[in-house]
Amino acid sequence: MDLRQQIDMCSEHYQKWKSAALNSLDRDEAKKAMERAFFWLELQSAFITLRAVELTAGNDEEKREKILTAKAKLSRRLIEYAKEILNEL
């Protein structure tokens, strides 16, 4: 999945969880939904920043390595999130 698709995915999930939080009548459910919404918003911001860095990096090998490291860290965060969701189920 390229960065644009990841940014779109984060936006989609953020909107979903934000809506769930705002429409929830249960305080605990609203809190959990807002935490998830903030997770997706934070992840989206990281992907947008990464995209900007990637576009300005040019052919600098050191920057390319740092971009790959950042992508790996973001992927790990998504894996941790998925594990957390699976544990809740």
PDB file of N, CA and C in Angstrom:
ATOM      1  N   MET A   1       0.849  -1.169   0.000  1.00  0.00           N
ATOM      2  CA  MET A   1       0.000   0.000   0.000  1.00  0.00           C
ATOM      3  C   MET A   1       0.899   1.238   0.000  1.00  0.00           C
ATOM      4  N   ASP A   2       0.642   2.159  -0.917  1.00  0.00           N
ATOM      5  CA  ASP A   2       1.473   3.357  -0.946  1.00  0.00           C
ATOM      6  C   ASP A   2       0.987   4.379   0.086  1.00  0.00           C
ATOM      7  N   LEU A   3       1.770   5.423   0.275  1.00  0.00           N
ATOM      8  CA  LEU A   3       1.470   6.389   1.323  1.00  0.00           C
ATOM      9  C   LEU A   3       0.120   7.085   1.132  1.00  0.00           C
ATOM     10  N   ARG A   4      -0.235   7.379  -0.099  1.00  0.00           N
ATOM     11  CA  ARG A   4      -1.537   8.024  -0.341  1.00  0.00           C
ATOM     12  C   ARG A   4      -2.692   7.139   0.123  1.00  0.00           C
ATOM     13  N   GLN A   5      -2.604   5.870  -0.176  1.00  0.00           N
ATOM     14  CA  GLN A   5      -3.641   4.930   0.244  1.00  0.00           C
ATOM     15  C   GLN A   5      -3.693   4.833   1.768  1.00  0.00           C
ATOM     16  N   GLN A   6      -2.526   4.854   2.398  1.00  0.00           N
ATOM     17  CA  GLN A   6      -2.476   4.794   3.854  1.00  0.00           C
ATOM     18  C   GLN A   6      -3.089   6.048   4.472  1.00  0.00           C
ATOM     19  N   ILE A   7      -2.817   7.201   3.883  1.00  0.00           N
ATOM     20  CA  ILE A   7      -3.394   8.457   4.368  1.00  0.00           C
ATOM     21  C   ILE A   7      -4.911   8.415   4.223  1.00  0.00           C
ATOM     22  N   ASP A   8      -5.385   7.945   3.083  1.00  0.00           N
ATOM     23  CA  ASP A   8      -6.834   7.836   2.862  1.00  0.00           C
ATOM     24  C   ASP A   8      -7.471   6.856   3.846  1.00  0.00           C
ATOM     25  N   MET A   9      -6.791   5.743   4.088  1.00  0.00           N
ATOM     26  CA  MET A   9      -7.304   4.749   5.027  1.00  0.00           C
ATOM     27  C   MET A   9      -7.413   5.356   6.433  1.00  0.00           C
ATOM     28  N   CYS A  10      -6.398   6.077   6.846  1.00  0.00           N
ATOM     29  CA  CYS A  10      -6.419   6.712   8.169  1.00  0.00           C
ATOM     30  C   CYS A  10      -7.564   7.717   8.269  1.00  0.00           C
ATOM     31  N   SER A  11      -7.752   8.491   7.227  1.00  0.00           N
ATOM     32  CA  SER A  11      -8.826   9.484   7.219  1.00  0.00           C
ATOM     33  C   SER A  11     -10.193   8.823   7.342  1.00  0.00           C
ATOM     34  N   GLU A  12     -10.362   7.751   6.602  1.00  0.00           N
ATOM     35  CA  GLU A  12     -11.620   7.000   6.636  1.00  0.00           C
ATOM     36  C   GLU A  12     -11.916   6.469   8.047  1.00  0.00           C
ATOM     37  N   HIS A  13     -10.912   5.853   8.666  1.00  0.00           N
ATOM     38  CA  HIS A  13     -11.090   5.296  10.007  1.00  0.00           C
ATOM     39  C   HIS A  13     -11.288   6.396  11.051  1.00  0.00           C
ATOM     40  N   TYR A  14     -10.571   7.498  10.890  1.00  0.00           N
ATOM     41  CA  TYR A  14     -10.736   8.622  11.813  1.00  0.00           C
ATOM     42  C   TYR A  14     -12.176   9.123  11.782  1.00  0.00           C
ATOM     43  N   GLN A  15     -12.703   9.337  10.585  1.00  0.00           N
ATOM     44  CA  GLN A  15     -14.069   9.830  10.445  1.00  0.00           C
ATOM     45  C   GLN A  15     -15.070   8.847  11.057  1.00  0.00           C
ATOM     46  N   LYS A  16     -14.842   7.571  10.835  1.00  0.00           N
ATOM     47  CA  LYS A  16     -15.728   6.535  11.375  1.00  0.00           C
ATOM     48  C   LYS A  16     -15.759   6.584  12.896  1.00  0.00           C
ATOM     49  N   TRP A  17     -14.573   6.602  13.527  1.00  0.00           N
ATOM     50  CA  TRP A  17     -14.511   6.576  14.985  1.00  0.00           C
ATOM     51  C   TRP A  17     -14.947   7.898  15.604  1.00  0.00           C
ATOM     52  N   LYS A  18     -14.669   8.997  14.931  1.00  0.00           N
ATOM     53  CA  LYS A  18     -15.116  10.302  15.427  1.00  0.00           C
ATOM     54  C   LYS A  18     -16.640  10.341  15.443  1.00  0.00           C
ATOM     55  N   SER A  19     -17.241   9.877  14.381  1.00  0.00           N
ATOM     56  CA  SER A  19     -18.698   9.832  14.291  1.00  0.00           C
ATOM     57  C   SER A  19     -19.276   8.919  15.364  1.00  0.00           C
ATOM     58  N   ALA A  20     -18.652   7.766  15.560  1.00  0.00           N
ATOM     59  CA  ALA A  20     -19.121   6.835  16.593  1.00  0.00           C
ATOM     60  C   ALA A  20     -19.043   7.477  17.973  1.00  0.00           C
ATOM     61  N   ALA A  21     -17.991   8.212  18.233  1.00  0.00           N
ATOM     62  CA  ALA A  21     -17.833   8.867  19.534  1.00  0.00           C
ATOM     63  C   ALA A  21     -18.878   9.956  19.737  1.00  0.00           C
ATOM     64  N   LEU A  22     -19.118  10.733  18.717  1.00  0.00           N
ATOM     65  CA  LEU A  22     -20.070  11.832  18.839  1.00  0.00           C
ATOM     66  C   LEU A  22     -21.515  11.351  18.934  1.00  0.00           C
ATOM     67  N   ASN A  23     -21.790  10.191  18.379  1.00  0.00           N
ATOM     68  CA  ASN A  23     -23.152   9.669  18.377  1.00  0.00           C
ATOM     69  C   ASN A  23     -23.447   8.692  19.512  1.00  0.00           C
ATOM     70  N   SER A  24     -22.420   8.347  20.272  1.00  0.00           N
ATOM     71  CA  SER A  24     -22.599   7.374  21.345  1.00  0.00           C
ATOM     72  C   SER A  24     -23.276   8.011  22.556  1.00  0.00           C
ATOM     73  N   LEU A  25     -24.195   7.279  23.141  1.00  0.00           N
ATOM     74  CA  LEU A  25     -24.859   7.736  24.358  1.00  0.00           C
ATOM     75  C   LEU A  25     -24.155   7.205  25.602  1.00  0.00           C
ATOM     76  N   ASP A  26     -23.346   6.190  25.425  1.00  0.00           N
ATOM     77  CA  ASP A  26     -22.603   5.578  26.529  1.00  0.00           C
ATOM     78  C   ASP A  26     -21.241   6.269  26.649  1.00  0.00           C
ATOM     79  N   ARG A  27     -20.963   6.786  27.819  1.00  0.00           N
ATOM     80  CA  ARG A  27     -19.729   7.537  28.042  1.00  0.00           C
ATOM     81  C   ARG A  27     -18.477   6.697  27.797  1.00  0.00           C
ATOM     82  N   ASP A  28     -18.462   5.453  28.261  1.00  0.00           N
ATOM     83  CA  ASP A  28     -17.296   4.590  28.075  1.00  0.00           C
ATOM     84  C   ASP A  28     -17.073   4.258  26.601  1.00  0.00           C
ATOM     85  N   GLU A  29     -18.172   3.996  25.898  1.00  0.00           N
ATOM     86  CA  GLU A  29     -18.056   3.726  24.456  1.00  0.00           C
ATOM     87  C   GLU A  29     -17.545   4.955  23.718  1.00  0.00           C
ATOM     88  N   ALA A  30     -18.032   6.123  24.097  1.00  0.00           N
ATOM     89  CA  ALA A  30     -17.592   7.367  23.459  1.00  0.00           C
ATOM     90  C   ALA A  30     -16.103   7.597  23.708  1.00  0.00           C
ATOM     91  N   LYS A  31     -15.659   7.320  24.920  1.00  0.00           N
ATOM     92  CA  LYS A  31     -14.246   7.490  25.264  1.00  0.00           C
ATOM     93  C   LYS A  31     -13.378   6.561  24.428  1.00  0.00           C
ATOM     94  N   LYS A  32     -13.788   5.306  24.330  1.00  0.00           N
ATOM     95  CA  LYS A  32     -13.028   4.327  23.551  1.00  0.00           C
ATOM     96  C   LYS A  32     -12.994   4.721  22.067  1.00  0.00           C
ATOM     97  N   ALA A  33     -14.119   5.189  21.561  1.00  0.00           N
ATOM     98  CA  ALA A  33     -14.181   5.603  20.158  1.00  0.00           C
ATOM     99  C   ALA A  33     -13.292   6.826  19.907  1.00  0.00           C
ATOM    100  N   MET A  34     -13.262   7.765  20.852  1.00  0.00           N
ATOM    101  CA  MET A  34     -12.407   8.939  20.684  1.00  0.00           C
ATOM    102  C   MET A  34     -10.927   8.556  20.734  1.00  0.00           C
ATOM    103  N   GLU A  35     -10.577   7.614  21.588  1.00  0.00           N
ATOM    104  CA  GLU A  35      -9.193   7.147  21.631  1.00  0.00           C
ATOM    105  C   GLU A  35      -8.795   6.552  20.286  1.00  0.00           C
ATOM    106  N   ARG A  36      -9.686   5.793  19.705  1.00  0.00           N
ATOM    107  CA  ARG A  36      -9.405   5.207  18.387  1.00  0.00           C
ATOM    108  C   ARG A  36      -9.350   6.284  17.305  1.00  0.00           C
ATOM    109  N   ALA A  37     -10.242   7.256  17.396  1.00  0.00           N
ATOM    110  CA  ALA A  37     -10.228   8.356  16.425  1.00  0.00           C
ATOM    111  C   ALA A  37      -8.900   9.113  16.506  1.00  0.00           C
ATOM    112  N   PHE A  38      -8.438   9.392  17.725  1.00  0.00           N
ATOM    113  CA  PHE A  38      -7.171  10.105  17.882  1.00  0.00           C
ATOM    114  C   PHE A  38      -5.992   9.268  17.377  1.00  0.00           C
ATOM    115  N   PHE A  39      -6.062   7.956  17.581  1.00  0.00           N
ATOM    116  CA  PHE A  39      -5.014   7.089  17.051  1.00  0.00           C
ATOM    117  C   PHE A  39      -4.916   7.253  15.539  1.00  0.00           C
ATOM    118  N   TRP A  40      -6.052   7.202  14.851  1.00  0.00           N
ATOM    119  CA  TRP A  40      -6.056   7.307  13.395  1.00  0.00           C
ATOM    120  C   TRP A  40      -5.650   8.699  12.929  1.00  0.00           C
ATOM    121  N   LEU A  41      -6.034   9.718  13.675  1.00  0.00           N
ATOM    122  CA  LEU A  41      -5.639  11.086  13.320  1.00  0.00           C
ATOM    123  C   LEU A  41      -4.123  11.259  13.467  1.00  0.00           C
ATOM    124  N   GLU A  42      -3.578  10.734  14.550  1.00  0.00           N
ATOM    125  CA  GLU A  42      -2.140  10.803  14.767  1.00  0.00           C
ATOM    126  C   GLU A  42      -1.388  10.044  13.678  1.00  0.00           C
ATOM    127  N   LEU A  43      -1.878   8.883  13.339  1.00  0.00           N
ATOM    128  CA  LEU A  43      -1.242   8.081  12.298  1.00  0.00           C
ATOM    129  C   LEU A  43      -1.320   8.791  10.947  1.00  0.00           C
ATOM    130  N   GLN A  44      -2.464   9.398  10.667  1.00  0.00           N
ATOM    131  CA  GLN A  44      -2.625  10.142   9.412  1.00  0.00           C
ATOM    132  C   GLN A  44      -1.618  11.296   9.346  1.00  0.00           C
ATOM    133  N   SER A  45      -1.458  12.014  10.433  1.00  0.00           N
ATOM    134  CA  SER A  45      -0.501  13.121  10.470  1.00  0.00           C
ATOM    135  C   SER A  45       0.918  12.620  10.214  1.00  0.00           C
ATOM    136  N   ALA A  46       1.253  11.479  10.796  1.00  0.00           N
ATOM    137  CA  ALA A  46       2.588  10.907  10.582  1.00  0.00           C
ATOM    138  C   ALA A  46       2.789  10.528   9.119  1.00  0.00           C
ATOM    139  N   PHE A  47       1.778   9.930   8.507  1.00  0.00           N
ATOM    140  CA  PHE A  47       1.892   9.557   7.096  1.00  0.00           C
ATOM    141  C   PHE A  47       2.000  10.786   6.197  1.00  0.00           C
ATOM    142  N   ILE A  48       1.259  11.842   6.513  1.00  0.00           N
ATOM    143  CA  ILE A  48       1.330  13.076   5.717  1.00  0.00           C
ATOM    144  C   ILE A  48       2.724  13.687   5.828  1.00  0.00           C
ATOM    145  N   THR A  49       3.252  13.725   7.037  1.00  0.00           N
ATOM    146  CA  THR A  49       4.603  14.254   7.235  1.00  0.00           C
ATOM    147  C   THR A  49       5.618  13.409   6.491  1.00  0.00           C
ATOM    148  N   LEU A  50       5.470  12.107   6.581  1.00  0.00           N
ATOM    149  CA  LEU A  50       6.376  11.202   5.887  1.00  0.00           C
ATOM    150  C   LEU A  50       6.306  11.409   4.380  1.00  0.00           C
ATOM    151  N   ARG A  51       5.118  11.615   3.872  1.00  0.00           N
ATOM    152  CA  ARG A  51       4.935  11.866   2.433  1.00  0.00           C
ATOM    153  C   ARG A  51       5.660  13.139   2.016  1.00  0.00           C
ATOM    154  N   ALA A  52       5.535  14.198   2.829  1.00  0.00           N
ATOM    155  CA  ALA A  52       6.207  15.461   2.519  1.00  0.00           C
ATOM    156  C   ALA A  52       7.723  15.285   2.516  1.00  0.00           C
ATOM    157  N   VAL A  53       8.231  14.555   3.497  1.00  0.00           N
ATOM    158  CA  VAL A  53       9.674  14.311   3.563  1.00  0.00           C
ATOM    159  C   VAL A  53      10.118  13.492   2.362  1.00  0.00           C
ATOM    160  N   GLU A  54       9.327  12.502   2.013  1.00  0.00           N
ATOM    161  CA  GLU A  54       9.660  11.642   0.879  1.00  0.00           C
ATOM    162  C   GLU A  54       9.731  12.450  -0.424  1.00  0.00           C
ATOM    163  N   LEU A  55       8.808  13.382  -0.590  1.00  0.00           N
ATOM    164  CA  LEU A  55       8.785  14.191  -1.813  1.00  0.00           C
ATOM    165  C   LEU A  55       9.962  15.157  -1.897  1.00  0.00           C
ATOM    166  N   THR A  56      10.490  15.569  -0.747  1.00  0.00           N
ATOM    167  CA  THR A  56      11.595  16.524  -0.746  1.00  0.00           C
ATOM    168  C   THR A  56      12.958  15.873  -0.551  1.00  0.00           C
ATOM    169  N   ALA A  57      12.985  14.575  -0.335  1.00  0.00           N
ATOM    170  CA  ALA A  57      14.248  13.890  -0.030  1.00  0.00           C
ATOM    171  C   ALA A  57      15.184  13.791  -1.225  1.00  0.00           C
ATOM    172  N   GLY A  58      14.637  13.767  -2.419  1.00  0.00           N
ATOM    173  CA  GLY A  58      15.489  13.614  -3.594  1.00  0.00           C
ATOM    174  C   GLY A  58      16.170  12.261  -3.602  1.00  0.00           C
ATOM    175  N   ASN A  59      17.423  12.247  -3.970  1.00  0.00           N
ATOM    176  CA  ASN A  59      18.184  10.988  -4.057  1.00  0.00           C
ATOM    177  C   ASN A  59      19.121  10.786  -2.877  1.00  0.00           C
ATOM    178  N   ASP A  60      18.905  11.505  -1.812  1.00  0.00           N
ATOM    179  CA  ASP A  60      19.760  11.391  -0.626  1.00  0.00           C
ATOM    180  C   ASP A  60      19.527  10.031   0.027  1.00  0.00           C
ATOM    181  N   GLU A  61      20.553   9.191  -0.009  1.00  0.00           N
ATOM    182  CA  GLU A  61      20.447   7.818   0.494  1.00  0.00           C
ATOM    183  C   GLU A  61      20.157   7.779   1.993  1.00  0.00           C
ATOM    184  N   GLU A  62      20.766   8.675   2.752  1.00  0.00           N
ATOM    185  CA  GLU A  62      20.548   8.706   4.202  1.00  0.00           C
ATOM    186  C   GLU A  62      19.084   9.021   4.527  1.00  0.00           C
ATOM    187  N   LYS A  63      18.525   9.973   3.803  1.00  0.00           N
ATOM    188  CA  LYS A  63      17.109  10.320   4.021  1.00  0.00           C
ATOM    189  C   LYS A  63      16.201   9.159   3.629  1.00  0.00           C
ATOM    190  N   ARG A  64      16.541   8.475   2.550  1.00  0.00           N
ATOM    191  CA  ARG A  64      15.745   7.319   2.116  1.00  0.00           C
ATOM    192  C   ARG A  64      15.727   6.223   3.192  1.00  0.00           C
ATOM    193  N   GLU A  65      16.865   6.007   3.828  1.00  0.00           N
ATOM    194  CA  GLU A  65      16.940   5.000   4.895  1.00  0.00           C
ATOM    195  C   GLU A  65      16.078   5.411   6.084  1.00  0.00           C
ATOM    196  N   LYS A  66      16.121   6.689   6.421  1.00  0.00           N
ATOM    197  CA  LYS A  66      15.311   7.186   7.533  1.00  0.00           C
ATOM    198  C   LYS A  66      13.825   7.078   7.217  1.00  0.00           C
ATOM    199  N   ILE A  67      13.462   7.312   5.966  1.00  0.00           N
ATOM    200  CA  ILE A  67      12.066   7.180   5.543  1.00  0.00           C
ATOM    201  C   ILE A  67      11.612   5.731   5.684  1.00  0.00           C
ATOM    202  N   LEU A  68      12.463   4.791   5.267  1.00  0.00           N
ATOM    203  CA  LEU A  68      12.123   3.369   5.399  1.00  0.00           C
ATOM    204  C   LEU A  68      11.977   2.974   6.866  1.00  0.00           C
ATOM    205  N   THR A  69      12.841   3.498   7.717  1.00  0.00           N
ATOM    206  CA  THR A  69      12.752   3.219   9.148  1.00  0.00           C
ATOM    207  C   THR A  69      11.442   3.757   9.712  1.00  0.00           C
ATOM    208  N   ALA A  70      11.077   4.955   9.306  1.00  0.00           N
ATOM    209  CA  ALA A  70       9.827   5.557   9.775  1.00  0.00           C
ATOM    210  C   ALA A  70       8.618   4.752   9.297  1.00  0.00           C
ATOM    211  N   LYS A  71       8.660   4.298   8.049  1.00  0.00           N
ATOM    212  CA  LYS A  71       7.568   3.475   7.522  1.00  0.00           C
ATOM    213  C   LYS A  71       7.432   2.179   8.328  1.00  0.00           C
ATOM    214  N   ALA A  72       8.557   1.593   8.680  1.00  0.00           N
ATOM    215  CA  ALA A  72       8.537   0.352   9.470  1.00  0.00           C
ATOM    216  C   ALA A  72       7.930   0.607  10.848  1.00  0.00           C
ATOM    217  N   LYS A  73       8.268   1.720  11.472  1.00  0.00           N
ATOM    218  CA  LYS A  73       7.719   2.051  12.790  1.00  0.00           C
ATOM    219  C   LYS A  73       6.207   2.255  12.710  1.00  0.00           C
ATOM    220  N   LEU A  74       5.756   2.925  11.660  1.00  0.00           N
ATOM    221  CA  LEU A  74       4.310   3.129  11.496  1.00  0.00           C
ATOM    222  C   LEU A  74       3.599   1.801  11.255  1.00  0.00           C
ATOM    223  N   SER A  75       4.227   0.931  10.509  1.00  0.00           N
ATOM    224  CA  SER A  75       3.649  -0.391  10.271  1.00  0.00           C
ATOM    225  C   SER A  75       3.540  -1.174  11.575  1.00  0.00           C
ATOM    226  N   ARG A  76       4.561  -1.061  12.428  1.00  0.00           N
ATOM    227  CA  ARG A  76       4.513  -1.728  13.729  1.00  0.00           C
ATOM    228  C   ARG A  76       3.375  -1.193  14.590  1.00  0.00           C
ATOM    229  N   ARG A  77       3.142   0.112  14.526  1.00  0.00           N
ATOM    230  CA  ARG A  77       2.038   0.700  15.291  1.00  0.00           C
ATOM    231  C   ARG A  77       0.706   0.151  14.813  1.00  0.00           C
ATOM    232  N   LEU A  78       0.569  -0.022  13.497  1.00  0.00           N
ATOM    233  CA  LEU A  78      -0.662  -0.603  12.966  1.00  0.00           C
ATOM    234  C   LEU A  78      -0.829  -2.044  13.422  1.00  0.00           C
ATOM    235  N   ILE A  79       0.247  -2.789  13.460  1.00  0.00           N
ATOM    236  CA  ILE A  79       0.195  -4.177  13.926  1.00  0.00           C
ATOM    237  C   ILE A  79      -0.201  -4.231  15.395  1.00  0.00           C
ATOM    238  N   GLU A  80       0.376  -3.348  16.211  1.00  0.00           N
ATOM    239  CA  GLU A  80       0.025  -3.292  17.634  1.00  0.00           C
ATOM    240  C   GLU A  80      -1.449  -2.939  17.818  1.00  0.00           C
ATOM    241  N   TYR A  81      -1.934  -2.020  17.016  1.00  0.00           N
ATOM    242  CA  TYR A  81      -3.342  -1.631  17.075  1.00  0.00           C
ATOM    243  C   TYR A  81      -4.230  -2.817  16.713  1.00  0.00           C
ATOM    244  N   ALA A  82      -3.857  -3.533  15.659  1.00  0.00           N
ATOM    245  CA  ALA A  82      -4.639  -4.690  15.236  1.00  0.00           C
ATOM    246  C   ALA A  82      -4.662  -5.761  16.321  1.00  0.00           C
ATOM    247  N   LYS A  83      -3.527  -5.984  16.980  1.00  0.00           N
ATOM    248  CA  LYS A  83      -3.471  -6.962  18.074  1.00  0.00           C
ATOM    249  C   LYS A  83      -4.384  -6.534  19.207  1.00  0.00           C
ATOM    250  N   GLU A  84      -4.370  -5.250  19.518  1.00  0.00           N
ATOM    251  CA  GLU A  84      -5.223  -4.733  20.603  1.00  0.00           C
ATOM    252  C   GLU A  84      -6.699  -4.951  20.284  1.00  0.00           C
ATOM    253  N   ILE A  85      -7.087  -4.692  19.057  1.00  0.00           N
ATOM    254  CA  ILE A  85      -8.474  -4.885  18.629  1.00  0.00           C
ATOM    255  C   ILE A  85      -8.841  -6.360  18.705  1.00  0.00           C
ATOM    256  N   LEU A  86      -7.952  -7.226  18.247  1.00  0.00           N
ATOM    257  CA  LEU A  86      -8.224  -8.669  18.294  1.00  0.00           C
ATOM    258  C   LEU A  86      -8.360  -9.159  19.727  1.00  0.00           C
ATOM    259  N   ASN A  87      -7.544  -8.636  20.639  1.00  0.00           N
ATOM    260  CA  ASN A  87      -7.641  -9.028  22.036  1.00  0.00           C
ATOM    261  C   ASN A  87      -8.975  -8.599  22.642  1.00  0.00           C
ATOM    262  N   GLU A  88      -9.489  -7.466  22.205  1.00  0.00           N
ATOM    263  CA  GLU A  88     -10.780  -6.998  22.717  1.00  0.00           C
ATOM    264  C   GLU A  88     -11.925  -7.886  22.244  1.00  0.00           C
ATOM    265  N   LEU A  89     -11.760  -8.438  21.041  1.00  0.00           N
ATOM    266  CA  LEU A  89     -12.819  -9.294  20.501  1.00  0.00           C
ATOM    267  C   LEU A  89     -12.806 -10.626  21.218  1.00  0.00           C
TER     268      LEU A  89
END
